[in-house]
Protein backbone atom coordinates (compact mmCIF):
# COMPACT_ATOMS: atom_id res chain seq x y z
CA UNK A 1 0.00 0.00 0.00
CA UNK A 2 2.76 2.42 0.93
CA UNK A 3 4.65 1.62 -2.28
CA UNK A 4 1.54 2.46 -4.35
CA UNK A 5 1.33 5.88 -2.72
CA UNK A 6 5.03 6.48 -3.41
CA UNK A 7 4.46 5.55 -7.04
CA UNK A 8 1.55 7.99 -7.28
CA UNK A 9 3.64 10.77 -5.74
CA UNK A 10 6.50 10.05 -8.12
CA UNK A 11 4.10 9.99 -11.06
CA UNK A 12 2.59 13.35 -10.09
CA UNK A 13 6.06 14.87 -9.77
CA UNK A 14 7.05 13.49 -13.16
CA UNK A 15 3.88 14.91 -14.74
CA UNK A 16 4.61 18.34 -13.18
CA UNK A 17 8.17 18.20 -14.52
CA UNK A 18 6.97 17.26 -17.99
CA UNK A 19 4.34 20.01 -17.95
CA UNK A 20 7.00 22.51 -17.00
CA UNK A 21 9.18 21.35 -19.91
CA UNK A 22 6.23 21.59 -22.30
CA UNK A 23 5.51 25.15 -21.15
CA UNK A 24 9.15 26.14 -21.66
CA UNK A 25 9.19 24.60 -25.13
CA UNK A 26 5.97 26.41 -26.06
CA UNK A 27 7.59 29.70 -25.10
CA UNK A 28 10.68 28.84 -27.15
CA UNK A 29 8.61 27.87 -30.21
CA UNK A 30 6.58 31.08 -29.97
CA UNK A 31 9.77 33.12 -29.73
CA UNK A 32 11.31 31.35 -32.72
CA UNK A 33 8.14 31.80 -34.77
CA UNK A 34 8.11 35.49 -33.94
CA UNK A 35 11.71 35.84 -35.09
CA UNK A 36 11.09 33.87 -38.27
CA UNK A 37 7.96 35.85 -39.16
CA UNK A 38 9.42 39.26 -38.41
CA UNK A 39 10.25 41.24 -41.51
CA UNK A 40 13.61 42.99 -41.93
CA UNK A 41 12.11 46.38 -41.19
CA UNK A 42 10.54 45.07 -37.98
CA UNK A 43 6.98 45.52 -39.24
CA UNK A 44 4.64 42.55 -39.01
CA UNK A 45 2.50 43.45 -42.00
CA UNK A 46 2.96 40.13 -43.79
CA UNK A 47 3.90 41.88 -47.02
CA UNK A 48 7.23 41.11 -48.62
CA UNK A 49 9.47 44.10 -49.33
CA UNK A 50 9.58 45.28 -52.92
CA UNK A 51 12.81 45.27 -54.88
CA UNK A 52 13.18 48.17 -57.32
CA UNK A 53 13.55 47.33 -61.04
CA UNK A 54 12.84 43.65 -60.48
CA UNK A 55 9.75 41.57 -61.28
CA UNK A 56 7.60 40.98 -58.21
CA UNK A 57 7.28 37.21 -58.62
CA UNK A 58 9.33 34.10 -58.01
CA UNK A 59 10.94 35.35 -54.79
CA UNK A 60 11.08 33.20 -51.71
CA UNK A 61 11.70 34.67 -48.26
């Protein structure tokens, strides 16, 4: 009986640790996505910058 309670306590601690790791990873992913999506001028408009005297197609950013 005592061993079962110890197992439950260990399991709860493990779940808390894993939840903490998940939360940290979510923050990291959100930060990385923000950096990836940010445009060079720092504006989050979603529009790609225009390049003078060049056609506006076939560019990948």
